[in-house]
């Protein structure tokens, strides 16, 4: 895997993991009982975006490192995704 492919895979993983992390711990205005006039009741009270971006980067780094190790050991390849599993 060259550096460009590595970065592309990292960014793709980062976005997928971000969308998995975003809904965690979000409380809507309706759930907290603090609906602001003119806003959607489902809007979050506090989104904690900065914390979620940090967690997303940390999780992606771990997942990407595991994936890179699998590529380097030959268990998985980009040409043959099932690697050694197919014989």
Protein backbone atom coordinates (compact mmCIF):
# COMPACT_ATOMS: atom_id res chain seq x y z
CA UNK A 1 0.00 0.00 0.00
CA UNK A 2 1.51 3.32 -1.01
CA UNK A 3 1.05 6.53 0.98
CA UNK A 4 -1.75 7.90 -1.23
CA UNK A 5 -3.81 4.72 -0.90
CA UNK A 6 -3.16 4.67 2.84
CA UNK A 7 -4.43 8.23 3.25
CA UNK A 8 -7.46 7.55 1.04
CA UNK A 9 -8.38 4.47 3.09
CA UNK A 10 -7.83 6.38 6.36
CA UNK A 11 -10.12 9.23 5.26
CA UNK A 12 -12.81 6.83 4.08
CA UNK A 13 -12.68 4.98 7.40
CA UNK A 14 -12.70 8.30 9.29
CA UNK A 15 -15.94 9.45 7.66
CA UNK A 16 -17.68 6.10 8.20
CA UNK A 17 -16.64 6.02 11.85
CA UNK A 18 -17.67 9.68 12.30
CA UNK A 19 -21.20 8.85 11.19
CA UNK A 20 -21.23 5.98 13.69
CA UNK A 21 -19.98 8.19 16.54
CA UNK A 22 -22.18 11.26 15.90
CA UNK A 23 -25.43 9.97 17.46
CA UNK A 24 -23.76 8.67 20.64
CA UNK A 25 -24.83 10.62 23.72
CA UNK A 26 -26.94 13.20 21.89
CA UNK A 27 -29.99 14.50 23.75
CA UNK A 28 -32.62 16.39 21.80
CA UNK A 29 -34.29 19.59 22.97
CA UNK A 30 -37.53 17.67 23.38
CA UNK A 31 -35.88 15.04 25.62
CA UNK A 32 -34.32 17.70 27.84
CA UNK A 33 -37.49 19.80 27.95
CA UNK A 34 -35.72 22.93 26.66
CA UNK A 35 -37.27 23.50 23.22
CA UNK A 36 -36.23 26.90 21.82
CA UNK A 37 -38.97 28.62 19.86
CA UNK A 38 -38.43 28.39 16.09
CA UNK A 39 -36.14 25.35 16.22
CA UNK A 40 -36.79 21.70 15.59
CA UNK A 41 -37.55 19.76 18.79
CA UNK A 42 -35.17 17.03 17.58
CA UNK A 43 -32.19 19.43 17.45
CA UNK A 44 -29.43 18.49 19.89
CA UNK A 45 -28.96 20.50 23.07
CA UNK A 46 -25.17 19.96 23.13
CA UNK A 47 -23.55 18.14 20.22
CA UNK A 48 -19.97 17.81 21.63
CA UNK A 49 -18.53 17.90 18.10
CA UNK A 50 -14.92 18.54 19.17
CA UNK A 51 -14.92 15.53 21.50
CA UNK A 52 -16.52 13.35 18.81
CA UNK A 53 -13.90 14.40 16.24
CA UNK A 54 -11.13 13.43 18.67
CA UNK A 55 -12.77 10.05 19.39
CA UNK A 56 -13.32 9.47 15.66
CA UNK A 57 -9.64 10.12 14.91
CA UNK A 58 -8.51 7.83 17.75
CA UNK A 59 -10.79 4.97 16.72
CA UNK A 60 -9.89 5.37 13.05
CA UNK A 61 -6.17 5.29 13.89
CA UNK A 62 -6.61 1.98 15.71
CA UNK A 63 -8.76 0.43 12.96
CA UNK A 64 -6.46 1.70 10.18
CA UNK A 65 -3.35 0.38 11.98
CA UNK A 66 -4.96 -3.06 12.33
CA UNK A 67 -5.90 -2.98 8.64
CA UNK A 68 -2.37 -1.93 7.61
CA UNK A 69 -0.89 -4.76 9.70
CA UNK A 70 -3.21 -7.24 7.98
CA UNK A 71 -2.04 -5.91 4.61
CA UNK A 72 1.65 -6.13 5.55
CA UNK A 73 1.36 -9.70 6.85
CA UNK A 74 -0.47 -10.83 3.72
CA UNK A 75 -3.69 -11.94 5.43
CA UNK A 76 -5.54 -9.40 3.30
CA UNK A 77 -4.53 -7.74 0.07
CA UNK A 78 -6.08 -4.97 -1.98
CA UNK A 79 -5.92 -7.16 -5.10
CA UNK A 80 -7.42 -10.24 -3.40
CA UNK A 81 -9.57 -9.03 -0.46
CA UNK A 82 -9.94 -12.50 1.11
CA UNK A 83 -6.18 -13.10 1.07
CA UNK A 84 -5.12 -16.40 2.64
CA UNK A 85 -8.71 -17.41 3.34
CA UNK A 86 -9.15 -18.51 -0.27
CA UNK A 87 -6.10 -20.74 -0.24
